[in-house]
Amino acid sequence: NAFAEAGDAVQARRLLEPLLEAARGQKRPFLKPRLLCNVVLKAYANAGDLRGAEEWHQHMRAMKVVVNSKTYGKLIEAAAKGGSAKNAELWLSRCFSDGFDVGDVKLSTVVDANARAG
């Protein structure tokens, strides 16, 4: 989580991908794949790297990792921190359309991104 907090997605992936591979081969893994994937998304979000976050999201989908509201929250945050209010809105919309609670934090992140965009 330290690499994720620092926005170092390269190191977060280096550390977590082997754990993710090990977890995928187990019926009841100790560490859940979604948790591991969301930590990597957190690193991209903290770096403001929307492109990396979106690519990682696609990787999650390809691995059949079931996303949750936190997944969308990190994608929204990556867009907002990366300066793309439009994409933050898009991810908020996808969160809602996929049936997840949008919540105050996600909404305020999008509002803040729009305020910074002018």
PDB file of N, CA and C in Angstrom:
ATOM      1  N   ASN A   1       0.813  -1.196   0.000  1.00  0.00           N
ATOM      2  CA  ASN A   1       0.000   0.000   0.000  1.00  0.00           C
ATOM      3  C   ASN A   1       0.864   1.271   0.000  1.00  0.00           C
ATOM      4  N   ALA A   2       2.093   1.175   0.490  1.00  0.00           N
ATOM      5  CA  ALA A   2       2.978   2.344   0.512  1.00  0.00           C
ATOM      6  C   ALA A   2       3.268   2.839  -0.905  1.00  0.00           C
ATOM      7  N   PHE A   3       3.481   1.908  -1.838  1.00  0.00           N
ATOM      8  CA  PHE A   3       3.723   2.312  -3.223  1.00  0.00           C
ATOM      9  C   PHE A   3       2.470   2.961  -3.812  1.00  0.00           C
ATOM     10  N   ALA A   4       1.317   2.424  -3.474  1.00  0.00           N
ATOM     11  CA  ALA A   4       0.058   2.996  -3.965  1.00  0.00           C
ATOM     12  C   ALA A   4      -0.140   4.399  -3.411  1.00  0.00           C
ATOM     13  N   GLU A   5       0.122   4.580  -2.131  1.00  0.00           N
ATOM     14  CA  GLU A   5      -0.004   5.904  -1.513  1.00  0.00           C
ATOM     15  C   GLU A   5       0.914   6.906  -2.190  1.00  0.00           C
ATOM     16  N   ALA A   6       2.093   6.459  -2.581  1.00  0.00           N
ATOM     17  CA  ALA A   6       3.078   7.342  -3.223  1.00  0.00           C
ATOM     18  C   ALA A   6       2.800   7.542  -4.714  1.00  0.00           C
ATOM     19  N   GLY A   7       1.813   6.828  -5.257  1.00  0.00           N
ATOM     20  CA  GLY A   7       1.512   6.942  -6.680  1.00  0.00           C
ATOM     21  C   GLY A   7       2.511   6.222  -7.567  1.00  0.00           C
ATOM     22  N   ASP A   8       3.189   5.232  -7.013  1.00  0.00           N
ATOM     23  CA  ASP A   8       4.191   4.475  -7.769  1.00  0.00           C
ATOM     24  C   ASP A   8       3.572   3.174  -8.279  1.00  0.00           C
ATOM     25  N   ALA A   9       2.893   3.278  -9.416  1.00  0.00           N
ATOM     26  CA  ALA A   9       2.187   2.128  -9.979  1.00  0.00           C
ATOM     27  C   ALA A   9       3.146   1.036 -10.445  1.00  0.00           C
ATOM     28  N   VAL A  10       4.303   1.411 -10.928  1.00  0.00           N
ATOM     29  CA  VAL A  10       5.276   0.408 -11.392  1.00  0.00           C
ATOM     30  C   VAL A  10       5.669  -0.514 -10.245  1.00  0.00           C
ATOM     31  N   GLN A  11       6.013   0.072  -9.114  1.00  0.00           N
ATOM     32  CA  GLN A  11       6.414  -0.744  -7.965  1.00  0.00           C
ATOM     33  C   GLN A  11       5.226  -1.485  -7.360  1.00  0.00           C
ATOM     34  N   ALA A  12       4.055  -0.867  -7.351  1.00  0.00           N
ATOM     35  CA  ALA A  12       2.861  -1.550  -6.837  1.00  0.00           C
ATOM     36  C   ALA A  12       2.564  -2.785  -7.670  1.00  0.00           C
ATOM     37  N   ARG A  13       2.644  -2.646  -8.995  1.00  0.00           N
ATOM     38  CA  ARG A  13       2.403  -3.802  -9.871  1.00  0.00           C
ATOM     39  C   ARG A  13       3.478  -4.867  -9.683  1.00  0.00           C
ATOM     40  N   ARG A  14       4.735  -4.426  -9.568  1.00  0.00           N
ATOM     41  CA  ARG A  14       5.826  -5.387  -9.397  1.00  0.00           C
ATOM     42  C   ARG A  14       5.609  -6.226  -8.145  1.00  0.00           C
ATOM     43  N   LEU A  15       5.142  -5.601  -7.107  1.00  0.00           N
ATOM     44  CA  LEU A  15       4.922  -6.297  -5.840  1.00  0.00           C
ATOM     45  C   LEU A  15       3.642  -7.132  -5.848  1.00  0.00           C
ATOM     46  N   LEU A  16       2.578  -6.615  -6.443  1.00  0.00           N
ATOM     47  CA  LEU A  16       1.273  -7.260  -6.321  1.00  0.00           C
ATOM     48  C   LEU A  16       0.923  -8.253  -7.421  1.00  0.00           C
ATOM     49  N   GLU A  17       1.507  -8.123  -8.600  1.00  0.00           N
ATOM     50  CA  GLU A  17       1.154  -9.055  -9.679  1.00  0.00           C
ATOM     51  C   GLU A  17       1.463 -10.511  -9.334  1.00  0.00           C
ATOM     52  N   PRO A  18       2.602 -10.835  -8.700  1.00  0.00           N
ATOM     53  CA  PRO A  18       2.817 -12.236  -8.307  1.00  0.00           C
ATOM     54  C   PRO A  18       1.765 -12.728  -7.299  1.00  0.00           C
ATOM     55  N   LEU A  19       1.352 -11.862  -6.386  1.00  0.00           N
ATOM     56  CA  LEU A  19       0.311 -12.235  -5.427  1.00  0.00           C
ATOM     57  C   LEU A  19      -1.022 -12.447  -6.135  1.00  0.00           C
ATOM     58  N   LEU A  20      -1.289 -11.622  -7.115  1.00  0.00           N
ATOM     59  CA  LEU A  20      -2.513 -11.749  -7.891  1.00  0.00           C
ATOM     60  C   LEU A  20      -2.539 -13.060  -8.660  1.00  0.00           C
ATOM     61  N   GLU A  21      -1.420 -13.404  -9.270  1.00  0.00           N
ATOM     62  CA  GLU A  21      -1.330 -14.685  -9.989  1.00  0.00           C
ATOM     63  C   GLU A  21      -1.534 -15.865  -9.045  1.00  0.00           C
ATOM     64  N   ALA A  22      -0.941 -15.804  -7.869  1.00  0.00           N
ATOM     65  CA  ALA A  22      -1.099 -16.882  -6.889  1.00  0.00           C
ATOM     66  C   ALA A  22      -2.546 -16.983  -6.422  1.00  0.00           C
ATOM     67  N   ALA A  23      -3.195 -15.847  -6.222  1.00  0.00           N
ATOM     68  CA  ALA A  23      -4.580 -15.834  -5.754  1.00  0.00           C
ATOM     69  C   ALA A  23      -5.533 -16.387  -6.805  1.00  0.00           C
ATOM     70  N   ARG A  24      -5.230 -16.154  -8.062  1.00  0.00           N
ATOM     71  CA  ARG A  24      -6.119 -16.619  -9.140  1.00  0.00           C
ATOM     72  C   ARG A  24      -6.201 -18.132  -9.199  1.00  0.00           C
ATOM     73  N   GLY A  25      -5.182 -18.816  -8.751  1.00  0.00           N
ATOM     74  CA  GLY A  25      -5.178 -20.267  -8.823  1.00  0.00           C
ATOM     75  C   GLY A  25      -5.837 -20.949  -7.641  1.00  0.00           C
ATOM     76  N   GLN A  26      -6.377 -20.202  -6.717  1.00  0.00           N
ATOM     77  CA  GLN A  26      -6.970 -20.782  -5.512  1.00  0.00           C
ATOM     78  C   GLN A  26      -8.477 -20.563  -5.490  1.00  0.00           C
ATOM     79  N   LYS A  27      -9.189 -21.539  -4.910  1.00  0.00           N
ATOM     80  CA  LYS A  27     -10.636 -21.399  -4.793  1.00  0.00           C
ATOM     81  C   LYS A  27     -11.012 -20.331  -3.780  1.00  0.00           C
ATOM     82  N   ARG A  28     -10.311 -20.279  -2.674  1.00  0.00           N
ATOM     83  CA  ARG A  28     -10.561 -19.280  -1.627  1.00  0.00           C
ATOM     84  C   ARG A  28      -9.232 -18.627  -1.253  1.00  0.00           C
ATOM     85  N   PRO A  29      -8.770 -17.704  -2.089  1.00  0.00           N
ATOM     86  CA  PRO A  29      -7.456 -17.102  -1.829  1.00  0.00           C
ATOM     87  C   PRO A  29      -7.464 -16.254  -0.562  1.00  0.00           C
ATOM     88  N   PHE A  30      -6.319 -16.220   0.086  1.00  0.00           N
ATOM     89  CA  PHE A  30      -6.151 -15.402   1.276  1.00  0.00           C
ATOM     90  C   PHE A  30      -6.317 -13.918   0.931  1.00  0.00           C
ATOM     91  N   LEU A  31      -5.705 -13.489  -0.151  1.00  0.00           N
ATOM     92  CA  LEU A  31      -5.842 -12.117  -0.627  1.00  0.00           C
ATOM     93  C   LEU A  31      -6.745 -12.114  -1.848  1.00  0.00           C
ATOM     94  N   LYS A  32      -7.759 -11.336  -1.824  1.00  0.00           N
ATOM     95  CA  LYS A  32      -8.735 -11.288  -2.911  1.00  0.00           C
ATOM     96  C   LYS A  32      -8.174 -10.533  -4.118  1.00  0.00           C
ATOM     97  N   PRO A  33      -8.378 -11.081  -5.310  1.00  0.00           N
ATOM     98  CA  PRO A  33      -7.880 -10.401  -6.518  1.00  0.00           C
ATOM     99  C   PRO A  33      -8.380  -8.961  -6.656  1.00  0.00           C
ATOM    100  N   ARG A  34      -9.647  -8.703  -6.340  1.00  0.00           N
ATOM    101  CA  ARG A  34     -10.170  -7.343  -6.475  1.00  0.00           C
ATOM    102  C   ARG A  34      -9.427  -6.379  -5.553  1.00  0.00           C
ATOM    103  N   LEU A  35      -9.147  -6.811  -4.342  1.00  0.00           N
ATOM    104  CA  LEU A  35      -8.404  -5.962  -3.400  1.00  0.00           C
ATOM    105  C   LEU A  35      -7.028  -5.622  -3.966  1.00  0.00           C
ATOM    106  N   LEU A  36      -6.330  -6.621  -4.469  1.00  0.00           N
ATOM    107  CA  LEU A  36      -5.002  -6.395  -5.031  1.00  0.00           C
ATOM    108  C   LEU A  36      -5.064  -5.460  -6.239  1.00  0.00           C
ATOM    109  N   CYS A  37      -6.048  -5.687  -7.098  1.00  0.00           N
ATOM    110  CA  CYS A  37      -6.191  -4.845  -8.287  1.00  0.00           C
ATOM    111  C   CYS A  37      -6.540  -3.411  -7.914  1.00  0.00           C
ATOM    112  N   ASN A  38      -7.386  -3.239  -6.916  1.00  0.00           N
ATOM    113  CA  ASN A  38      -7.756  -1.888  -6.504  1.00  0.00           C
ATOM    114  C   ASN A  38      -6.592  -1.137  -5.878  1.00  0.00           C
ATOM    115  N   VAL A  39      -5.667  -1.854  -5.259  1.00  0.00           N
ATOM    116  CA  VAL A  39      -4.472  -1.196  -4.720  1.00  0.00           C
ATOM    117  C   VAL A  39      -3.632  -0.644  -5.871  1.00  0.00           C
ATOM    118  N   VAL A  40      -3.517  -1.400  -6.950  1.00  0.00           N
ATOM    119  CA  VAL A  40      -2.778  -0.906  -8.116  1.00  0.00           C
ATOM    120  C   VAL A  40      -3.498   0.307  -8.712  1.00  0.00           C
ATOM    121  N   LEU A  41      -4.834   0.231  -8.795  1.00  0.00           N
ATOM    122  CA  LEU A  41      -5.590   1.383  -9.283  1.00  0.00           C
ATOM    123  C   LEU A  41      -5.359   2.608  -8.407  1.00  0.00           C
ATOM    124  N   LYS A  42      -5.248   2.394  -7.116  1.00  0.00           N
ATOM    125  CA  LYS A  42      -4.983   3.491  -6.184  1.00  0.00           C
ATOM    126  C   LYS A  42      -3.665   4.182  -6.530  1.00  0.00           C
ATOM    127  N   ALA A  43      -2.665   3.401  -6.909  1.00  0.00           N
ATOM    128  CA  ALA A  43      -1.377   3.980  -7.291  1.00  0.00           C
ATOM    129  C   ALA A  43      -1.538   4.861  -8.528  1.00  0.00           C
ATOM    130  N   TYR A  44      -2.270   4.357  -9.521  1.00  0.00           N
ATOM    131  CA  TYR A  44      -2.504   5.171 -10.721  1.00  0.00           C
ATOM    132  C   TYR A  44      -3.297   6.427 -10.374  1.00  0.00           C
ATOM    133  N   ALA A  45      -4.292   6.290  -9.506  1.00  0.00           N
ATOM    134  CA  ALA A  45      -5.108   7.441  -9.116  1.00  0.00           C
ATOM    135  C   ALA A  45      -4.260   8.485  -8.411  1.00  0.00           C
ATOM    136  N   ASN A  46      -3.429   8.063  -7.478  1.00  0.00           N
ATOM    137  CA  ASN A  46      -2.600   9.017  -6.736  1.00  0.00           C
ATOM    138  C   ASN A  46      -1.576   9.699  -7.629  1.00  0.00           C
ATOM    139  N   ALA A  47      -1.210   9.040  -8.713  1.00  0.00           N
ATOM    140  CA  ALA A  47      -0.285   9.645  -9.678  1.00  0.00           C
ATOM    141  C   ALA A  47      -1.017  10.522 -10.691  1.00  0.00           C
ATOM    142  N   GLY A  48      -2.345  10.460 -10.698  1.00  0.00           N
ATOM    143  CA  GLY A  48      -3.117  11.196 -11.698  1.00  0.00           C
ATOM    144  C   GLY A  48      -2.945  10.619 -13.088  1.00  0.00           C
ATOM    145  N   ASP A  49      -2.676   9.316 -13.161  1.00  0.00           N
ATOM    146  CA  ASP A  49      -2.407   8.629 -14.429  1.00  0.00           C
ATOM    147  C   ASP A  49      -3.671   7.918 -14.907  1.00  0.00           C
ATOM    148  N   LEU A  50      -4.539   8.660 -15.596  1.00  0.00           N
ATOM    149  CA  LEU A  50      -5.795   8.094 -16.078  1.00  0.00           C
ATOM    150  C   LEU A  50      -5.566   6.992 -17.095  1.00  0.00           C
ATOM    151  N   ARG A  51      -4.652   7.218 -18.011  1.00  0.00           N
ATOM    152  CA  ARG A  51      -4.399   6.200 -19.042  1.00  0.00           C
ATOM    153  C   ARG A  51      -3.965   4.877 -18.400  1.00  0.00           C
ATOM    154  N   GLY A  52      -3.036   4.943 -17.450  1.00  0.00           N
ATOM    155  CA  GLY A  52      -2.601   3.731 -16.753  1.00  0.00           C
ATOM    156  C   GLY A  52      -3.740   3.079 -15.996  1.00  0.00           C
ATOM    157  N   ALA A  53      -4.570   3.900 -15.339  1.00  0.00           N
ATOM    158  CA  ALA A  53      -5.706   3.368 -14.586  1.00  0.00           C
ATOM    159  C   ALA A  53      -6.694   2.671 -15.519  1.00  0.00           C
ATOM    160  N   GLU A  54      -6.967   3.276 -16.652  1.00  0.00           N
ATOM    161  CA  GLU A  54      -7.906   2.669 -17.598  1.00  0.00           C
ATOM    162  C   GLU A  54      -7.342   1.376 -18.189  1.00  0.00           C
ATOM    163  N   GLU A  55      -6.058   1.373 -18.481  1.00  0.00           N
ATOM    164  CA  GLU A  55      -5.437   0.141 -18.985  1.00  0.00           C
ATOM    165  C   GLU A  55      -5.480  -0.953 -17.927  1.00  0.00           C
ATOM    166  N   TRP A  56      -5.227  -0.593 -16.665  1.00  0.00           N
ATOM    167  CA  TRP A  56      -5.283  -1.579 -15.591  1.00  0.00           C
ATOM    168  C   TRP A  56      -6.718  -2.080 -15.400  1.00  0.00           C
ATOM    169  N   HIS A  57      -7.691  -1.195 -15.529  1.00  0.00           N
ATOM    170  CA  HIS A  57      -9.097  -1.592 -15.443  1.00  0.00           C
ATOM    171  C   HIS A  57      -9.428  -2.620 -16.522  1.00  0.00           C
ATOM    172  N   GLN A  58      -8.948  -2.387 -17.731  1.00  0.00           N
ATOM    173  CA  GLN A  58      -9.164  -3.358 -18.806  1.00  0.00           C
ATOM    174  C   GLN A  58      -8.497  -4.691 -18.479  1.00  0.00           C
ATOM    175  N   HIS A  59      -7.321  -4.630 -17.893  1.00  0.00           N
ATOM    176  CA  HIS A  59      -6.611  -5.842 -17.472  1.00  0.00           C
ATOM    177  C   HIS A  59      -7.428  -6.589 -16.422  1.00  0.00           C
ATOM    178  N   MET A  60      -8.005  -5.853 -15.486  1.00  0.00           N
ATOM    179  CA  MET A  60      -8.866  -6.461 -14.466  1.00  0.00           C
ATOM    180  C   MET A  60     -10.035  -7.191 -15.123  1.00  0.00           C
ATOM    181  N   ARG A  61     -10.680  -6.531 -16.055  1.00  0.00           N
ATOM    182  CA  ARG A  61     -11.831  -7.125 -16.759  1.00  0.00           C
ATOM    183  C   ARG A  61     -11.403  -8.381 -17.518  1.00  0.00           C
ATOM    184  N   ALA A  62     -10.243  -8.315 -18.167  1.00  0.00           N
ATOM    185  CA  ALA A  62      -9.750  -9.473 -18.916  1.00  0.00           C
ATOM    186  C   ALA A  62      -9.476 -10.655 -17.993  1.00  0.00           C
ATOM    187  N   MET A  63      -9.059 -10.360 -16.754  1.00  0.00           N
ATOM    188  CA  MET A  63      -8.816 -11.422 -15.768  1.00  0.00           C
ATOM    189  C   MET A  63     -10.107 -11.853 -15.073  1.00  0.00           C
ATOM    190  N   LYS A  64     -11.214 -11.239 -15.470  1.00  0.00           N
ATOM    191  CA  LYS A  64     -12.526 -11.536 -14.896  1.00  0.00           C
ATOM    192  C   LYS A  64     -12.624 -11.170 -13.411  1.00  0.00           C
ATOM    193  N   VAL A  65     -11.906 -10.125 -13.032  1.00  0.00           N
ATOM    194  CA  VAL A  65     -12.007  -9.594 -11.676  1.00  0.00           C
ATOM    195  C   VAL A  65     -13.281  -8.757 -11.615  1.00  0.00           C
ATOM    196  N   VAL A  66     -14.134  -9.047 -10.658  1.00  0.00           N
ATOM    197  CA  VAL A  66     -15.382  -8.312 -10.497  1.00  0.00           C
ATOM    198  C   VAL A  66     -15.078  -6.973  -9.829  1.00  0.00           C
ATOM    199  N   VAL A  67     -15.456  -5.901 -10.508  1.00  0.00           N
ATOM    200  CA  VAL A  67     -15.188  -4.566  -9.977  1.00  0.00           C
ATOM    201  C   VAL A  67     -16.215  -4.207  -8.916  1.00  0.00           C
ATOM    202  N   ASN A  68     -15.908  -3.169  -8.141  1.00  0.00           N
ATOM    203  CA  ASN A  68     -16.853  -2.676  -7.146  1.00  0.00           C
ATOM    204  C   ASN A  68     -16.849  -1.150  -7.166  1.00  0.00           C
ATOM    205  N   SER A  69     -17.569  -0.560  -6.236  1.00  0.00           N
ATOM    206  CA  SER A  69     -17.664   0.890  -6.172  1.00  0.00           C
ATOM    207  C   SER A  69     -16.299   1.541  -5.962  1.00  0.00           C
ATOM    208  N   LYS A  70     -15.441   0.898  -5.191  1.00  0.00           N
ATOM    209  CA  LYS A  70     -14.100   1.446  -4.951  1.00  0.00           C
ATOM    210  C   LYS A  70     -13.280   1.474  -6.234  1.00  0.00           C
ATOM    211  N   THR A  71     -13.473   0.487  -7.095  1.00  0.00           N
ATOM    212  CA  THR A  71     -12.789   0.465  -8.386  1.00  0.00           C
ATOM    213  C   THR A  71     -13.125   1.730  -9.165  1.00  0.00           C
ATOM    214  N   TYR A  72     -14.416   2.026  -9.245  1.00  0.00           N
ATOM    215  CA  TYR A  72     -14.839   3.231  -9.960  1.00  0.00           C
ATOM    216  C   TYR A  72     -14.343   4.497  -9.268  1.00  0.00           C
ATOM    217  N   GLY A  73     -14.326   4.486  -7.953  1.00  0.00           N
ATOM    218  CA  GLY A  73     -13.826   5.647  -7.221  1.00  0.00           C
ATOM    219  C   GLY A  73     -12.390   5.979  -7.594  1.00  0.00           C
ATOM    220  N   LYS A  74     -11.570   4.942  -7.758  1.00  0.00           N
ATOM    221  CA  LYS A  74     -10.168   5.168  -8.124  1.00  0.00           C
ATOM    222  C   LYS A  74     -10.045   5.651  -9.570  1.00  0.00           C
ATOM    223  N   LEU A  75     -10.902   5.168 -10.456  1.00  0.00           N
ATOM    224  CA  LEU A  75     -10.887   5.645 -11.838  1.00  0.00           C
ATOM    225  C   LEU A  75     -11.312   7.112 -11.906  1.00  0.00           C
ATOM    226  N   ILE A  76     -12.324   7.468 -11.122  1.00  0.00           N
ATOM    227  CA  ILE A  76     -12.769   8.863 -11.058  1.00  0.00           C
ATOM    228  C   ILE A  76     -11.646   9.741 -10.506  1.00  0.00           C
ATOM    229  N   GLU A  77     -10.999   9.262  -9.456  1.00  0.00           N
ATOM    230  CA  GLU A  77      -9.904  10.016  -8.846  1.00  0.00           C
ATOM    231  C   GLU A  77      -8.737  10.187  -9.813  1.00  0.00           C
ATOM    232  N   ALA A  78      -8.414   9.133 -10.567  1.00  0.00           N
ATOM    233  CA  ALA A  78      -7.326   9.222 -11.544  1.00  0.00           C
ATOM    234  C   ALA A  78      -7.638  10.284 -12.592  1.00  0.00           C
ATOM    235  N   ALA A  79      -8.878  10.309 -13.060  1.00  0.00           N
ATOM    236  CA  ALA A  79      -9.274  11.312 -14.049  1.00  0.00           C
ATOM    237  C   ALA A  79      -9.201  12.714 -13.458  1.00  0.00           C
ATOM    238  N   ALA A  80      -9.737  12.871 -12.247  1.00  0.00           N
ATOM    239  CA  ALA A  80      -9.752  14.190 -11.610  1.00  0.00           C
ATOM    240  C   ALA A  80      -8.341  14.694 -11.353  1.00  0.00           C
ATOM    241  N   LYS A  81      -7.498  13.856 -10.781  1.00  0.00           N
ATOM    242  CA  LYS A  81      -6.121  14.279 -10.487  1.00  0.00           C
ATOM    243  C   LYS A  81      -5.310  14.490 -11.752  1.00  0.00           C
ATOM    244  N   GLY A  82      -5.699  13.786 -12.819  1.00  0.00           N
ATOM    245  CA  GLY A  82      -5.015  13.961 -14.092  1.00  0.00           C
ATOM    246  C   GLY A  82      -5.524  15.148 -14.888  1.00  0.00           C
ATOM    247  N   GLY A  83      -6.515  15.866 -14.343  1.00  0.00           N
ATOM    248  CA  GLY A  83      -7.004  17.075 -14.998  1.00  0.00           C
ATOM    249  C   GLY A  83      -8.095  16.861 -16.022  1.00  0.00           C
ATOM    250  N   SER A  84      -8.741  15.689 -16.002  1.00  0.00           N
ATOM    251  CA  SER A  84      -9.782  15.418 -16.985  1.00  0.00           C
ATOM    252  C   SER A  84     -11.153  15.311 -16.314  1.00  0.00           C
ATOM    253  N   ALA A  85     -11.786  16.458 -16.145  1.00  0.00           N
ATOM    254  CA  ALA A  85     -13.123  16.486 -15.543  1.00  0.00           C
ATOM    255  C   ALA A  85     -14.110  15.688 -16.387  1.00  0.00           C
ATOM    256  N   LYS A  86     -13.965  15.769 -17.708  1.00  0.00           N
ATOM    257  CA  LYS A  86     -14.878  15.045 -18.608  1.00  0.00           C
ATOM    258  C   LYS A  86     -14.804  13.541 -18.354  1.00  0.00           C
ATOM    259  N   ASN A  87     -13.607  13.010 -18.212  1.00  0.00           N
ATOM    260  CA  ASN A  87     -13.469  11.579 -17.959  1.00  0.00           C
ATOM    261  C   ASN A  87     -13.909  11.208 -16.544  1.00  0.00           C
ATOM    262  N   ALA A  88     -13.724  12.111 -15.598  1.00  0.00           N
ATOM    263  CA  ALA A  88     -14.228  11.863 -14.243  1.00  0.00           C
ATOM    264  C   ALA A  88     -15.747  11.712 -14.290  1.00  0.00           C
ATOM    265  N   GLU A  89     -16.402  12.582 -15.054  1.00  0.00           N
ATOM    266  CA  GLU A  89     -17.851  12.488 -15.221  1.00  0.00           C
ATOM    267  C   GLU A  89     -18.244  11.185 -15.904  1.00  0.00           C
ATOM    268  N   LEU A  90     -17.486  10.799 -16.915  1.00  0.00           N
ATOM    269  CA  LEU A  90     -17.767   9.553 -17.629  1.00  0.00           C
ATOM    270  C   LEU A  90     -17.699   8.350 -16.691  1.00  0.00           C
ATOM    271  N   TRP A  91     -16.652   8.282 -15.864  1.00  0.00           N
ATOM    272  CA  TRP A  91     -16.513   7.157 -14.942  1.00  0.00           C
ATOM    273  C   TRP A  91     -17.591   7.194 -13.855  1.00  0.00           C
ATOM    274  N   LEU A  92     -17.999   8.385 -13.450  1.00  0.00           N
ATOM    275  CA  LEU A  92     -19.095   8.506 -12.486  1.00  0.00           C
ATOM    276  C   LEU A  92     -20.381   7.948 -13.093  1.00  0.00           C
ATOM    277  N   SER A  93     -20.616   8.284 -14.337  1.00  0.00           N
ATOM    278  CA  SER A  93     -21.795   7.787 -15.048  1.00  0.00           C
ATOM    279  C   SER A  93     -21.766   6.262 -15.180  1.00  0.00           C
ATOM    280  N   ARG A  94     -20.605   5.719 -15.496  1.00  0.00           N
ATOM    281  CA  ARG A  94     -20.476   4.260 -15.617  1.00  0.00           C
ATOM    282  C   ARG A  94     -20.687   3.581 -14.271  1.00  0.00           C
ATOM    283  N   CYS A  95     -20.200   4.201 -13.216  1.00  0.00           N
ATOM    284  CA  CYS A  95     -20.406   3.674 -11.868  1.00  0.00           C
ATOM    285  C   CYS A  95     -21.899   3.561 -11.586  1.00  0.00           C
ATOM    286  N   PHE A  96     -22.618   4.633 -11.874  1.00  0.00           N
ATOM    287  CA  PHE A  96     -24.056   4.665 -11.646  1.00  0.00           C
ATOM    288  C   PHE A  96     -24.777   3.655 -12.527  1.00  0.00           C
ATOM    289  N   SER A  97     -24.431   3.617 -13.808  1.00  0.00           N
ATOM    290  CA  SER A  97     -25.127   2.715 -14.735  1.00  0.00           C
ATOM    291  C   SER A  97     -24.841   1.242 -14.440  1.00  0.00           C
ATOM    292  N   ASP A  98     -23.715   0.958 -13.789  1.00  0.00           N
ATOM    293  CA  ASP A  98     -23.418  -0.423 -13.391  1.00  0.00           C
ATOM    294  C   ASP A  98     -24.049  -0.787 -12.051  1.00  0.00           C
ATOM    295  N   GLY A  99     -24.838   0.138 -11.500  1.00  0.00           N
ATOM    296  CA  GLY A  99     -25.620  -0.171 -10.312  1.00  0.00           C
ATOM    297  C   GLY A  99     -24.947   0.082  -8.978  1.00  0.00           C
ATOM    298  N   PHE A 100     -23.839   0.818  -9.001  1.00  0.00           N
ATOM    299  CA  PHE A 100     -23.140   1.105  -7.749  1.00  0.00           C
ATOM    300  C   PHE A 100     -23.571   2.451  -7.184  1.00  0.00           C
ATOM    301  N   ASP A 101     -23.472   2.574  -5.870  1.00  0.00           N
ATOM    302  CA  ASP A 101     -23.764   3.822  -5.190  1.00  0.00           C
ATOM    303  C   ASP A 101     -22.712   4.848  -5.577  1.00  0.00           C
ATOM    304  N   VAL A 102     -23.170   5.973  -6.033  1.00  0.00           N
ATOM    305  CA  VAL A 102     -22.240   7.019  -6.444  1.00  0.00           C
ATOM    306  C   VAL A 102     -21.595   7.663  -5.219  1.00  0.00           C
ATOM    307  N   GLY A 103     -22.359   8.024  -4.248  1.00  0.00           N
ATOM    308  CA  GLY A 103     -21.816   8.525  -2.989  1.00  0.00           C
ATOM    309  C   GLY A 103     -21.247   9.928  -3.059  1.00  0.00           C
ATOM    310  N   ASP A 104     -21.159  10.533  -1.885  1.00  0.00           N
ATOM    311  CA  ASP A 104     -20.703  11.918  -1.772  1.00  0.00           C
ATOM    312  C   ASP A 104     -19.255  12.120  -2.197  1.00  0.00           C
ATOM    313  N   VAL A 105     -18.380  11.159  -1.882  1.00  0.00           N
ATOM    314  CA  VAL A 105     -16.962  11.331  -2.201  1.00  0.00           C
ATOM    315  C   VAL A 105     -16.753  11.367  -3.710  1.00  0.00           C
ATOM    316  N   LYS A 106     -17.385  10.445  -4.416  1.00  0.00           N
ATOM    317  CA  LYS A 106     -17.236  10.421  -5.874  1.00  0.00           C
ATOM    318  C   LYS A 106     -17.820  11.684  -6.493  1.00  0.00           C
ATOM    319  N   LEU A 107     -18.993  12.093  -6.019  1.00  0.00           N
ATOM    320  CA  LEU A 107     -19.605  13.315  -6.545  1.00  0.00           C
ATOM    321  C   LEU A 107     -18.737  14.537  -6.294  1.00  0.00           C
ATOM    322  N   SER A 108     -18.218  14.662  -5.087  1.00  0.00           N
ATOM    323  CA  SER A 108     -17.396  15.835  -4.776  1.00  0.00           C
ATOM    324  C   SER A 108     -16.089  15.819  -5.554  1.00  0.00           C
ATOM    325  N   THR A 109     -15.564  14.630  -5.859  1.00  0.00           N
ATOM    326  CA  THR A 109     -14.352  14.539  -6.676  1.00  0.00           C
ATOM    327  C   THR A 109     -14.605  15.082  -8.074  1.00  0.00           C
ATOM    328  N   VAL A 110     -15.762  14.741  -8.635  1.00  0.00           N
ATOM    329  CA  VAL A 110     -16.126  15.234  -9.974  1.00  0.00           C
ATOM    330  C   VAL A 110     -16.394  16.738  -9.941  1.00  0.00           C
ATOM    331  N   VAL A 111     -17.098  17.206  -8.934  1.00  0.00           N
ATOM    332  CA  VAL A 111     -17.360  18.647  -8.806  1.00  0.00           C
ATOM    333  C   VAL A 111     -16.040  19.414  -8.686  1.00  0.00           C
ATOM    334  N   ASP A 112     -15.141  18.896  -7.866  1.00  0.00           N
ATOM    335  CA  ASP A 112     -13.845  19.553  -7.693  1.00  0.00           C
ATOM    336  C   ASP A 112     -13.052  19.568  -9.001  1.00  0.00           C
ATOM    337  N   ALA A 113     -13.100  18.465  -9.743  1.00  0.00           N
ATOM    338  CA  ALA A 113     -12.396  18.418 -11.034  1.00  0.00           C
ATOM    339  C   ALA A 113     -12.949  19.455 -11.987  1.00  0.00           C
ATOM    340  N   ASN A 114     -14.259  19.609 -11.999  1.00  0.00           N
ATOM    341  CA  ASN A 114     -14.874  20.622 -12.868  1.00  0.00           C
ATOM    342  C   ASN A 114     -14.528  22.032 -12.416  1.00  0.00           C
ATOM    343  N   ALA A 115     -14.475  22.252 -11.115  1.00  0.00           N
ATOM    344  CA  ALA A 115     -14.121  23.577 -10.605  1.00  0.00           C
ATOM    345  C   ALA A 115     -12.689  23.949 -10.992  1.00  0.00           C
ATOM    346  N   ARG A 116     -11.797  22.976 -10.915  1.00  0.00           N
ATOM    347  CA  ARG A 116     -10.404  23.238 -11.297  1.00  0.00           C
ATOM    348  C   ARG A 116     -10.256  23.459 -12.790  1.00  0.00           C
ATOM    349  N   ALA A 117     -11.140  22.799 -13.571  1.00  0.00           N
ATOM    350  CA  ALA A 117     -11.074  22.953 -15.031  1.00  0.00           C
ATOM    351  C   ALA A 117     -11.595  24.313 -15.473  1.00  0.00           C
ATOM    352  N   GLY A 118     -12.406  24.915 -14.625  1.00  0.00           N
ATOM    353  CA  GLY A 118     -12.922  26.266 -14.942  1.00  0.00           C
ATOM    354  C   GLY A 118     -14.225  26.189 -15.570  1.00  0.00           C
TER     355      GLY A 118
END
